[in-house]
Amino acid sequence: MKVFRHNEKPEINYPTVWEYCVMGEDPDALRALIGQVTMNRAKKIRHGNTSRSGKYVSIRFQVAVTNEAERLRIFEDLRDSDICRWVL
């Protein structure tokens, strides 16, 4: 496994399937947001974890992206939403 320094970018060969993890309070709203942002192209949508208090949930999903701009657009659209608290 290659270890990257903080200023190095990994080489990603496109097209590729990218996995995202979103976290928020409402799993139904998160699923709707995923559908909207990915134009219903998300695959393998699955519940991740629930916080100890039960307030937050995570949902993981995969989507095929054709280039870095598309990958980053999806990330930014998720991040900028009021529904999503965190995106990984």
N, C-alpha and C. Protein backbone atom coordinates (compact mmCIF):
# COMPACT_ATOMS: atom_id res chain seq x y z
N MET A 1 0.84 -1.17 0.00
CA MET A 1 0.00 0.00 0.00
C MET A 1 0.89 1.24 0.00
N LYS A 2 0.55 2.17 -0.87
CA LYS A 2 1.31 3.40 -0.94
C LYS A 2 0.77 4.40 0.08
N VAL A 3 1.65 5.07 0.78
CA VAL A 3 1.28 6.10 1.73
C VAL A 3 1.51 7.45 1.06
N PHE A 4 0.48 8.31 1.07
CA PHE A 4 0.57 9.62 0.44
C PHE A 4 0.87 10.69 1.48
N ARG A 5 1.70 11.60 1.10
CA ARG A 5 1.95 12.76 1.95
C ARG A 5 0.76 13.71 1.80
N HIS A 6 0.65 14.66 2.72
CA HIS A 6 -0.51 15.55 2.72
C HIS A 6 -0.64 16.37 1.44
N ASN A 7 0.42 16.60 0.71
CA ASN A 7 0.33 17.41 -0.50
C ASN A 7 0.31 16.57 -1.78
N GLU A 8 0.29 15.25 -1.66
CA GLU A 8 0.24 14.37 -2.82
C GLU A 8 -1.20 13.95 -3.10
N LYS A 9 -1.54 13.89 -4.38
CA LYS A 9 -2.86 13.42 -4.77
C LYS A 9 -2.71 11.98 -5.28
N PRO A 10 -3.61 11.11 -4.90
CA PRO A 10 -3.54 9.76 -5.44
C PRO A 10 -3.92 9.75 -6.91
N GLU A 11 -3.41 8.82 -7.65
CA GLU A 11 -3.77 8.70 -9.06
C GLU A 11 -5.06 7.88 -9.13
N ILE A 12 -6.09 8.47 -9.73
CA ILE A 12 -7.38 7.81 -9.88
C ILE A 12 -7.64 7.64 -11.37
N ASN A 13 -7.89 6.42 -11.79
CA ASN A 13 -8.18 6.16 -13.19
C ASN A 13 -9.68 6.19 -13.40
N TYR A 14 -10.12 7.07 -14.29
CA TYR A 14 -11.55 7.23 -14.58
C TYR A 14 -11.87 6.55 -15.90
N PRO A 15 -13.11 6.11 -16.07
CA PRO A 15 -14.21 6.11 -15.11
C PRO A 15 -13.94 5.11 -13.99
N THR A 16 -14.56 5.37 -12.84
CA THR A 16 -14.40 4.50 -11.69
C THR A 16 -15.65 4.55 -10.82
N VAL A 17 -15.79 3.57 -9.97
CA VAL A 17 -16.88 3.57 -9.00
C VAL A 17 -16.33 4.16 -7.71
N TRP A 18 -17.01 5.19 -7.20
CA TRP A 18 -16.55 5.90 -6.02
C TRP A 18 -17.54 5.68 -4.89
N GLU A 19 -17.03 5.48 -3.69
CA GLU A 19 -17.91 5.30 -2.54
C GLU A 19 -17.90 6.55 -1.68
N TYR A 20 -19.09 6.96 -1.29
CA TYR A 20 -19.28 8.10 -0.40
C TYR A 20 -19.96 7.61 0.87
N CYS A 21 -19.78 8.34 1.94
CA CYS A 21 -20.50 8.10 3.18
C CYS A 21 -21.04 9.44 3.64
N VAL A 22 -22.35 9.51 3.83
CA VAL A 22 -22.98 10.74 4.30
C VAL A 22 -23.55 10.51 5.68
N MET A 23 -23.57 11.56 6.49
CA MET A 23 -24.09 11.47 7.84
C MET A 23 -25.04 12.62 8.09
N GLY A 24 -26.13 12.31 8.78
CA GLY A 24 -27.11 13.32 9.10
C GLY A 24 -28.12 12.76 10.08
N GLU A 25 -29.20 13.51 10.27
CA GLU A 25 -30.20 13.13 11.26
C GLU A 25 -31.36 12.32 10.68
N ASP A 26 -31.69 12.51 9.41
CA ASP A 26 -32.87 11.91 8.82
C ASP A 26 -32.47 10.97 7.68
N PRO A 27 -32.54 9.65 7.90
CA PRO A 27 -32.11 8.72 6.86
C PRO A 27 -32.93 8.82 5.57
N ASP A 28 -34.23 9.09 5.68
CA ASP A 28 -35.05 9.22 4.48
C ASP A 28 -34.65 10.45 3.66
N ALA A 29 -34.39 11.55 4.34
CA ALA A 29 -33.95 12.77 3.66
C ALA A 29 -32.57 12.56 3.03
N LEU A 30 -31.69 11.84 3.72
CA LEU A 30 -30.37 11.55 3.15
C LEU A 30 -30.49 10.72 1.88
N ARG A 31 -31.35 9.70 1.90
CA ARG A 31 -31.55 8.86 0.72
C ARG A 31 -32.11 9.68 -0.45
N ALA A 32 -33.06 10.57 -0.15
CA ALA A 32 -33.61 11.43 -1.21
C ALA A 32 -32.53 12.35 -1.78
N LEU A 33 -31.70 12.90 -0.90
CA LEU A 33 -30.60 13.76 -1.34
C LEU A 33 -29.62 13.00 -2.23
N ILE A 34 -29.29 11.78 -1.84
CA ILE A 34 -28.38 10.95 -2.64
C ILE A 34 -28.96 10.75 -4.04
N GLY A 35 -30.25 10.43 -4.11
CA GLY A 35 -30.90 10.26 -5.42
C GLY A 35 -30.85 11.52 -6.26
N GLN A 36 -31.11 12.65 -5.62
CA GLN A 36 -31.11 13.93 -6.33
C GLN A 36 -29.72 14.28 -6.84
N VAL A 37 -28.73 14.18 -5.99
CA VAL A 37 -27.37 14.60 -6.34
C VAL A 37 -26.75 13.67 -7.39
N THR A 38 -27.07 12.38 -7.33
CA THR A 38 -26.48 11.43 -8.28
C THR A 38 -27.39 11.16 -9.48
N MET A 39 -28.51 11.86 -9.56
CA MET A 39 -29.49 11.63 -10.63
C MET A 39 -29.93 10.17 -10.64
N ASN A 40 -30.15 9.64 -9.44
CA ASN A 40 -30.62 8.26 -9.23
C ASN A 40 -29.67 7.20 -9.80
N ARG A 41 -28.38 7.51 -9.84
CA ARG A 41 -27.39 6.55 -10.34
C ARG A 41 -26.65 5.84 -9.20
N ALA A 42 -26.96 6.18 -7.96
CA ALA A 42 -26.28 5.57 -6.82
C ALA A 42 -26.62 4.09 -6.73
N LYS A 43 -25.63 3.29 -6.39
CA LYS A 43 -25.78 1.83 -6.24
C LYS A 43 -25.31 1.44 -4.85
N LYS A 44 -25.71 0.26 -4.44
CA LYS A 44 -25.28 -0.29 -3.15
C LYS A 44 -25.49 0.70 -2.01
N ILE A 45 -26.67 1.28 -1.95
CA ILE A 45 -27.00 2.21 -0.88
C ILE A 45 -27.29 1.38 0.36
N ARG A 46 -26.56 1.66 1.44
CA ARG A 46 -26.76 0.86 2.64
C ARG A 46 -26.54 1.70 3.90
N HIS A 47 -27.28 1.32 4.91
CA HIS A 47 -27.17 1.98 6.21
C HIS A 47 -25.79 1.65 6.79
N GLY A 48 -25.14 2.65 7.32
CA GLY A 48 -23.84 2.46 7.96
C GLY A 48 -24.00 2.27 9.44
N ASN A 49 -23.82 3.32 10.19
CA ASN A 49 -23.90 3.27 11.65
C ASN A 49 -24.91 4.28 12.16
N THR A 50 -25.31 4.08 13.38
CA THR A 50 -26.15 5.03 14.10
C THR A 50 -25.36 5.48 15.33
N SER A 51 -25.42 6.77 15.61
CA SER A 51 -24.68 7.28 16.77
C SER A 51 -25.24 6.68 18.05
N ARG A 52 -24.44 6.69 19.07
CA ARG A 52 -24.85 6.12 20.36
C ARG A 52 -26.16 6.73 20.85
N SER A 53 -26.32 8.03 20.64
CA SER A 53 -27.54 8.70 21.09
C SER A 53 -28.72 8.45 20.15
N GLY A 54 -28.44 7.93 18.96
CA GLY A 54 -29.50 7.69 17.98
C GLY A 54 -29.85 8.91 17.15
N LYS A 55 -29.14 10.00 17.37
CA LYS A 55 -29.45 11.25 16.67
C LYS A 55 -28.95 11.23 15.22
N TYR A 56 -27.80 10.63 14.97
CA TYR A 56 -27.20 10.66 13.65
C TYR A 56 -27.11 9.25 13.06
N VAL A 57 -27.24 9.21 11.74
CA VAL A 57 -27.07 7.95 11.00
C VAL A 57 -26.10 8.20 9.86
N SER A 58 -25.47 7.13 9.41
CA SER A 58 -24.63 7.24 8.22
C SER A 58 -25.19 6.31 7.15
N ILE A 59 -25.02 6.73 5.91
CA ILE A 59 -25.44 5.94 4.76
C ILE A 59 -24.28 5.93 3.78
N ARG A 60 -23.94 4.74 3.33
CA ARG A 60 -22.87 4.57 2.34
C ARG A 60 -23.50 4.24 0.99
N PHE A 61 -22.86 4.73 -0.07
CA PHE A 61 -23.35 4.39 -1.41
C PHE A 61 -22.21 4.52 -2.41
N GLN A 62 -22.41 3.90 -3.55
CA GLN A 62 -21.43 3.95 -4.62
C GLN A 62 -22.08 4.56 -5.86
N VAL A 63 -21.27 5.24 -6.64
CA VAL A 63 -21.74 5.80 -7.91
C VAL A 63 -20.58 5.80 -8.89
N ALA A 64 -20.87 5.50 -10.14
CA ALA A 64 -19.86 5.54 -11.19
C ALA A 64 -19.63 7.00 -11.58
N VAL A 65 -18.38 7.42 -11.55
CA VAL A 65 -18.04 8.78 -11.95
C VAL A 65 -17.09 8.71 -13.15
N THR A 66 -17.25 9.66 -14.06
CA THR A 66 -16.46 9.62 -15.29
C THR A 66 -15.19 10.46 -15.22
N ASN A 67 -15.14 11.40 -14.25
CA ASN A 67 -13.94 12.24 -14.14
C ASN A 67 -13.89 12.90 -12.77
N GLU A 68 -12.79 13.56 -12.48
CA GLU A 68 -12.60 14.18 -11.18
C GLU A 68 -13.62 15.29 -10.93
N ALA A 69 -13.96 16.04 -11.96
CA ALA A 69 -14.92 17.14 -11.78
C ALA A 69 -16.28 16.59 -11.32
N GLU A 70 -16.72 15.49 -11.89
CA GLU A 70 -17.98 14.89 -11.48
C GLU A 70 -17.89 14.36 -10.05
N ARG A 71 -16.81 13.70 -9.72
CA ARG A 71 -16.60 13.17 -8.36
C ARG A 71 -16.65 14.29 -7.34
N LEU A 72 -15.98 15.40 -7.62
CA LEU A 72 -15.95 16.53 -6.69
C LEU A 72 -17.29 17.26 -6.64
N ARG A 73 -18.00 17.34 -7.77
CA ARG A 73 -19.31 17.98 -7.79
C ARG A 73 -20.28 17.25 -6.87
N ILE A 74 -20.28 15.92 -6.94
CA ILE A 74 -21.15 15.13 -6.07
C ILE A 74 -20.79 15.40 -4.61
N PHE A 75 -19.51 15.35 -4.30
CA PHE A 75 -19.06 15.63 -2.93
C PHE A 75 -19.53 17.01 -2.47
N GLU A 76 -19.32 18.02 -3.30
CA GLU A 76 -19.66 19.39 -2.93
C GLU A 76 -21.17 19.58 -2.79
N ASP A 77 -21.95 18.97 -3.67
CA ASP A 77 -23.42 19.08 -3.57
C ASP A 77 -23.92 18.44 -2.28
N LEU A 78 -23.34 17.30 -1.91
CA LEU A 78 -23.71 16.67 -0.65
C LEU A 78 -23.30 17.55 0.53
N ARG A 79 -22.07 18.02 0.50
CA ARG A 79 -21.52 18.84 1.59
C ARG A 79 -22.31 20.13 1.78
N ASP A 80 -22.76 20.73 0.70
CA ASP A 80 -23.44 22.02 0.77
C ASP A 80 -24.91 21.91 1.17
N SER A 81 -25.42 20.71 1.24
CA SER A 81 -26.82 20.51 1.60
C SER A 81 -27.04 20.72 3.10
N ASP A 82 -28.21 21.23 3.45
CA ASP A 82 -28.57 21.38 4.86
C ASP A 82 -28.93 20.04 5.49
N ILE A 83 -29.22 19.05 4.68
CA ILE A 83 -29.62 17.72 5.16
C ILE A 83 -28.42 16.93 5.66
N CYS A 84 -27.32 17.07 4.99
CA CYS A 84 -26.11 16.29 5.27
C CYS A 84 -25.20 17.06 6.22
N ARG A 85 -24.80 16.41 7.30
CA ARG A 85 -23.90 17.04 8.27
C ARG A 85 -22.44 16.84 7.92
N TRP A 86 -22.10 15.63 7.43
CA TRP A 86 -20.72 15.29 7.06
C TRP A 86 -20.73 14.41 5.83
N VAL A 87 -19.66 14.54 5.05
CA VAL A 87 -19.47 13.68 3.87
C VAL A 87 -18.05 13.14 3.91
N LEU A 88 -17.92 11.86 3.68
CA LEU A 88 -16.60 11.23 3.57
C LEU A 88 -16.51 10.58 2.20
